[in-house]
């Protein structure tokens, strides 16, 4: 495994294809659990990359958290990968305490086959079959909003995508 719990893969995002199997991710949570996307088949998964120093990230996190809480029973799982340095762990814990989904430190700017995380916030959505349903690199406005969640995630939860 690579740093941050991502399965070792080439660090290039050009291989990401909608409708194809999503590259695997493993979140090592702040409370010591490991959550692998491959173990979440049957659920809709949002892998979101953020940092405490990122203003747009801090604006989207409460929106994403509230949505995740409202739709958990429908099979929505959000995994939050913080790009903060280990020295900033207290800040990350403070933010994580306000969220309804698990958080872990990424540990590196590289997110396996998702590429180098050079822009945040950025998220990737995986459908119930484990296929990439939304490629955050392609989103002109990548921060989550209620409208974007309705457009991207709601159809997946309803089984219409």
C-alpha atoms as a PDB file:
ATOM      1  CA  UNK A   1       0.000   0.000   0.000  1.00  0.00           C
ATOM      2  CA  UNK A   2       1.085   3.511  -0.722  1.00  0.00           C
ATOM      3  CA  UNK A   3       1.124   6.349   1.785  1.00  0.00           C
ATOM      4  CA  UNK A   4      -2.320   7.431   2.851  1.00  0.00           C
ATOM      5  CA  UNK A   5      -3.723   3.964   2.445  1.00  0.00           C
ATOM      6  CA  UNK A   6      -4.191   4.046  -1.295  1.00  0.00           C
ATOM      7  CA  UNK A   7      -3.434   0.912  -3.176  1.00  0.00           C
ATOM      8  CA  UNK A   8      -0.238   1.339  -5.153  1.00  0.00           C
ATOM      9  CA  UNK A   9      -1.063   2.229  -8.736  1.00  0.00           C
ATOM     10  CA  UNK A  10       0.394   4.558 -11.309  1.00  0.00           C
ATOM     11  CA  UNK A  11      -0.205   8.190 -10.320  1.00  0.00           C
ATOM     12  CA  UNK A  12      -2.011   9.229 -13.465  1.00  0.00           C
ATOM     13  CA  UNK A  13      -5.615  10.268 -13.733  1.00  0.00           C
ATOM     14  CA  UNK A  14      -5.832   9.980 -17.523  1.00  0.00           C
ATOM     15  CA  UNK A  15      -6.948   6.360 -17.163  1.00  0.00           C
ATOM     16  CA  UNK A  16     -10.149   7.330 -15.332  1.00  0.00           C
ATOM     17  CA  UNK A  17     -13.195   6.471 -17.411  1.00  0.00           C
ATOM     18  CA  UNK A  18     -16.821   6.953 -16.467  1.00  0.00           C
ATOM     19  CA  UNK A  19     -18.687   3.659 -16.397  1.00  0.00           C
ATOM     20  CA  UNK A  20     -15.485   1.671 -15.853  1.00  0.00           C
ATOM     21  CA  UNK A  21     -14.416   0.100 -12.548  1.00  0.00           C
ATOM     22  CA  UNK A  22     -13.336   2.830 -10.138  1.00  0.00           C
ATOM     23  CA  UNK A  23      -9.752   2.575  -8.934  1.00  0.00           C
ATOM     24  CA  UNK A  24      -9.635   1.276  -5.372  1.00  0.00           C
ATOM     25  CA  UNK A  25      -9.102   3.544  -2.377  1.00  0.00           C
ATOM     26  CA  UNK A  26      -8.603   2.759   1.294  1.00  0.00           C
ATOM     27  CA  UNK A  27      -9.313   5.385   3.925  1.00  0.00           C
ATOM     28  CA  UNK A  28      -7.346   5.000   7.149  1.00  0.00           C
ATOM     29  CA  UNK A  29      -9.674   6.890   9.448  1.00  0.00           C
ATOM     30  CA  UNK A  30      -8.635   9.120  12.322  1.00  0.00           C
ATOM     31  CA  UNK A  31     -10.085   6.543  14.718  1.00  0.00           C
ATOM     32  CA  UNK A  32      -7.957   3.711  13.286  1.00  0.00           C
ATOM     33  CA  UNK A  33     -10.417   1.944  10.973  1.00  0.00           C
ATOM     34  CA  UNK A  34      -9.691   0.989   7.367  1.00  0.00           C
ATOM     35  CA  UNK A  35     -12.509   1.521   4.890  1.00  0.00           C
ATOM     36  CA  UNK A  36     -11.896   0.172   1.395  1.00  0.00           C
ATOM     37  CA  UNK A  37     -14.076   1.177  -1.527  1.00  0.00           C
ATOM     38  CA  UNK A  38     -14.014  -2.430  -2.728  1.00  0.00           C
ATOM     39  CA  UNK A  39     -15.830  -3.368   0.489  1.00  0.00           C
ATOM     40  CA  UNK A  40     -18.572  -0.830  -0.213  1.00  0.00           C
ATOM     41  CA  UNK A  41     -20.079  -2.476  -3.301  1.00  0.00           C
ATOM     42  CA  UNK A  42     -23.817  -1.956  -3.253  1.00  0.00           C
ATOM     43  CA  UNK A  43     -23.401   1.563  -1.882  1.00  0.00           C
ATOM     44  CA  UNK A  44     -22.879   4.878  -3.620  1.00  0.00           C
ATOM     45  CA  UNK A  45     -19.490   6.226  -2.537  1.00  0.00           C
ATOM     46  CA  UNK A  46     -18.157   9.753  -2.668  1.00  0.00           C
ATOM     47  CA  UNK A  47     -14.409  10.062  -2.120  1.00  0.00           C
ATOM     48  CA  UNK A  48     -13.736  13.697  -1.337  1.00  0.00           C
ATOM     49  CA  UNK A  49     -10.329  15.357  -1.052  1.00  0.00           C
ATOM     50  CA  UNK A  50     -10.081  18.505   1.077  1.00  0.00           C
ATOM     51  CA  UNK A  51      -7.936  20.430   3.577  1.00  0.00           C
ATOM     52  CA  UNK A  52      -8.567  22.630   6.597  1.00  0.00           C
ATOM     53  CA  UNK A  53      -6.835  25.576   4.886  1.00  0.00           C
ATOM     54  CA  UNK A  54      -9.065  25.355   1.784  1.00  0.00           C
ATOM     55  CA  UNK A  55     -11.934  27.861   1.948  1.00  0.00           C
ATOM     56  CA  UNK A  56     -14.156  26.201  -0.699  1.00  0.00           C
ATOM     57  CA  UNK A  57     -13.590  22.846   1.023  1.00  0.00           C
ATOM     58  CA  UNK A  58     -14.735  24.221   4.354  1.00  0.00           C
ATOM     59  CA  UNK A  59     -17.852  25.635   2.659  1.00  0.00           C
ATOM     60  CA  UNK A  60     -18.777  22.346   0.969  1.00  0.00           C
ATOM     61  CA  UNK A  61     -18.091  20.001   3.891  1.00  0.00           C
ATOM     62  CA  UNK A  62     -21.218  20.928   5.914  1.00  0.00           C
ATOM     63  CA  UNK A  63     -23.371  20.582   2.780  1.00  0.00           C
ATOM     64  CA  UNK A  64     -21.859  17.186   1.984  1.00  0.00           C
ATOM     65  CA  UNK A  65     -22.133  16.078   5.611  1.00  0.00           C
ATOM     66  CA  UNK A  66     -25.822  16.983   5.871  1.00  0.00           C
ATOM     67  CA  UNK A  67     -26.569  15.238   2.559  1.00  0.00           C
ATOM     68  CA  UNK A  68     -24.631  12.137   3.615  1.00  0.00           C
ATOM     69  CA  UNK A  69     -26.523  11.980   6.900  1.00  0.00           C
ATOM     70  CA  UNK A  70     -29.911  12.351   5.176  1.00  0.00           C
ATOM     71  CA  UNK A  71     -29.127   9.646   2.629  1.00  0.00           C
ATOM     72  CA  UNK A  72     -27.083   7.108   4.608  1.00  0.00           C
ATOM     73  CA  UNK A  73     -30.089   4.774   4.829  1.00  0.00           C
ATOM     74  CA  UNK A  74     -30.271   4.814   1.019  1.00  0.00           C
ATOM     75  CA  UNK A  75     -26.719   3.493   0.834  1.00  0.00           C
ATOM     76  CA  UNK A  76     -24.603   6.641   0.572  1.00  0.00           C
ATOM     77  CA  UNK A  77     -21.091   6.519   2.040  1.00  0.00           C
ATOM     78  CA  UNK A  78     -18.735   9.502   1.973  1.00  0.00           C
ATOM     79  CA  UNK A  79     -15.011   9.078   2.615  1.00  0.00           C
ATOM     80  CA  UNK A  80     -13.036  12.221   3.412  1.00  0.00           C
ATOM     81  CA  UNK A  81      -9.338  12.355   2.549  1.00  0.00           C
ATOM     82  CA  UNK A  82      -7.616  15.348   4.160  1.00  0.00           C
ATOM     83  CA  UNK A  83      -4.504  16.742   2.488  1.00  0.00           C
ATOM     84  CA  UNK A  84      -3.390  18.374   5.724  1.00  0.00           C
ATOM     85  CA  UNK A  85       0.039  17.595   7.143  1.00  0.00           C
ATOM     86  CA  UNK A  86       0.283  15.316  10.188  1.00  0.00           C
ATOM     87  CA  UNK A  87       1.246  18.381  12.255  1.00  0.00           C
ATOM     88  CA  UNK A  88      -2.235  19.763  11.524  1.00  0.00           C
ATOM     89  CA  UNK A  89      -4.006  16.690  12.882  1.00  0.00           C
ATOM     90  CA  UNK A  90      -5.676  18.651  15.738  1.00  0.00           C
ATOM     91  CA  UNK A  91      -7.300  20.975  13.155  1.00  0.00           C
ATOM     92  CA  UNK A  92      -8.398  17.993  11.073  1.00  0.00           C
ATOM     93  CA  UNK A  93      -9.905  16.337  14.159  1.00  0.00           C
ATOM     94  CA  UNK A  94     -11.813  19.531  14.975  1.00  0.00           C
ATOM     95  CA  UNK A  95     -13.359  19.600  11.497  1.00  0.00           C
ATOM     96  CA  UNK A  96     -13.979  15.834  11.484  1.00  0.00           C
ATOM     97  CA  UNK A  97     -15.929  16.117  14.736  1.00  0.00           C
ATOM     98  CA  UNK A  98     -18.529  18.231  12.906  1.00  0.00           C
ATOM     99  CA  UNK A  99     -18.994  15.786  10.004  1.00  0.00           C
ATOM    100  CA  UNK A 100     -21.235  12.754   9.563  1.00  0.00           C
ATOM    101  CA  UNK A 101     -18.659  10.779   7.561  1.00  0.00           C
ATOM    102  CA  UNK A 102     -15.221   9.319   8.298  1.00  0.00           C
ATOM    103  CA  UNK A 103     -12.040  11.317   7.728  1.00  0.00           C
ATOM    104  CA  UNK A 104      -8.413  10.296   7.322  1.00  0.00           C
ATOM    105  CA  UNK A 105      -5.166  11.973   6.317  1.00  0.00           C
ATOM    106  CA  UNK A 106      -4.165  11.279   2.722  1.00  0.00           C
ATOM    107  CA  UNK A 107      -0.479  11.385   3.606  1.00  0.00           C
ATOM    108  CA  UNK A 108       0.657  12.270   0.089  1.00  0.00           C
ATOM    109  CA  UNK A 109      -0.429  14.439  -2.815  1.00  0.00           C
ATOM    110  CA  UNK A 110      -0.862  11.279  -4.880  1.00  0.00           C
ATOM    111  CA  UNK A 111      -4.146   9.415  -4.848  1.00  0.00           C
ATOM    112  CA  UNK A 112      -3.200   6.309  -6.789  1.00  0.00           C
ATOM    113  CA  UNK A 113      -4.915   6.078 -10.168  1.00  0.00           C
ATOM    114  CA  UNK A 114      -6.863   9.252  -9.332  1.00  0.00           C
ATOM    115  CA  UNK A 115      -3.616  11.129  -9.884  1.00  0.00           C
ATOM    116  CA  UNK A 116      -1.863  13.880  -8.013  1.00  0.00           C
ATOM    117  CA  UNK A 117      -4.350  15.938  -6.028  1.00  0.00           C
ATOM    118  CA  UNK A 118      -3.408  19.395  -7.224  1.00  0.00           C
ATOM    119  CA  UNK A 119      -6.786  21.099  -6.918  1.00  0.00           C
ATOM    120  CA  UNK A 120      -9.185  20.921  -4.029  1.00  0.00           C
ATOM    121  CA  UNK A 121     -11.903  20.363  -3.331  1.00  0.00           C
ATOM    122  CA  UNK A 122     -12.162  17.449  -5.709  1.00  0.00           C
ATOM    123  CA  UNK A 123     -14.374  14.377  -5.382  1.00  0.00           C
ATOM    124  CA  UNK A 124     -15.021  11.153  -7.217  1.00  0.00           C
ATOM    125  CA  UNK A 125     -18.334   9.309  -7.120  1.00  0.00           C
ATOM    126  CA  UNK A 126     -18.572   5.535  -7.405  1.00  0.00           C
ATOM    127  CA  UNK A 127     -21.866   3.812  -8.192  1.00  0.00           C
ATOM    128  CA  UNK A 128     -23.315   0.767  -6.453  1.00  0.00           C
ATOM    129  CA  UNK A 129     -21.594  -1.562  -8.945  1.00  0.00           C
ATOM    130  CA  UNK A 130     -18.163  -0.068  -8.175  1.00  0.00           C
ATOM    131  CA  UNK A 131     -17.961   1.950 -11.384  1.00  0.00           C
ATOM    132  CA  UNK A 132     -16.808   5.533 -11.659  1.00  0.00           C
ATOM    133  CA  UNK A 133     -19.936   7.666 -12.007  1.00  0.00           C
ATOM    134  CA  UNK A 134     -18.408  11.145 -11.647  1.00  0.00           C
ATOM    135  CA  UNK A 135     -14.821  12.208 -12.296  1.00  0.00           C
ATOM    136  CA  UNK A 136     -14.053  15.272 -10.210  1.00  0.00           C
ATOM    137  CA  UNK A 137     -11.235  16.326 -12.523  1.00  0.00           C
ATOM    138  CA  UNK A 138     -13.848  16.986 -15.216  1.00  0.00           C
ATOM    139  CA  UNK A 139     -16.030  19.252 -13.058  1.00  0.00           C
ATOM    140  CA  UNK A 140     -15.626  22.953 -13.781  1.00  0.00           C
ATOM    141  CA  UNK A 141     -17.116  23.775 -10.372  1.00  0.00           C
ATOM    142  CA  UNK A 142     -16.027  20.809  -8.263  1.00  0.00           C
ATOM    143  CA  UNK A 143     -17.300  21.933  -4.858  1.00  0.00           C
ATOM    144  CA  UNK A 144     -20.445  20.121  -3.747  1.00  0.00           C
ATOM    145  CA  UNK A 145     -23.667  22.090  -3.626  1.00  0.00           C
ATOM    146  CA  UNK A 146     -27.208  20.865  -3.077  1.00  0.00           C
ATOM    147  CA  UNK A 147     -27.838  21.257  -6.822  1.00  0.00           C
ATOM    148  CA  UNK A 148     -24.743  19.243  -7.772  1.00  0.00           C
ATOM    149  CA  UNK A 149     -25.621  16.522  -5.262  1.00  0.00           C
ATOM    150  CA  UNK A 150     -29.134  16.288  -6.762  1.00  0.00           C
ATOM    151  CA  UNK A 151     -27.669  16.114 -10.273  1.00  0.00           C
ATOM    152  CA  UNK A 152     -24.833  13.641  -9.621  1.00  0.00           C
ATOM    153  CA  UNK A 153     -25.729  11.559  -6.573  1.00  0.00           C
ATOM    154  CA  UNK A 154     -29.537  11.476  -6.323  1.00  0.00           C
ATOM    155  CA  UNK A 155     -29.975   9.458  -9.550  1.00  0.00           C
ATOM    156  CA  UNK A 156     -27.424   6.910  -8.317  1.00  0.00           C
ATOM    157  CA  UNK A 157     -29.246   6.543  -5.013  1.00  0.00           C
ATOM    158  CA  UNK A 158     -32.557   6.166  -6.848  1.00  0.00           C
ATOM    159  CA  UNK A 159     -31.072   3.542  -9.175  1.00  0.00           C
ATOM    160  CA  UNK A 160     -31.730   5.691 -12.250  1.00  0.00           C
ATOM    161  CA  UNK A 161     -28.151   6.157 -13.367  1.00  0.00           C
END
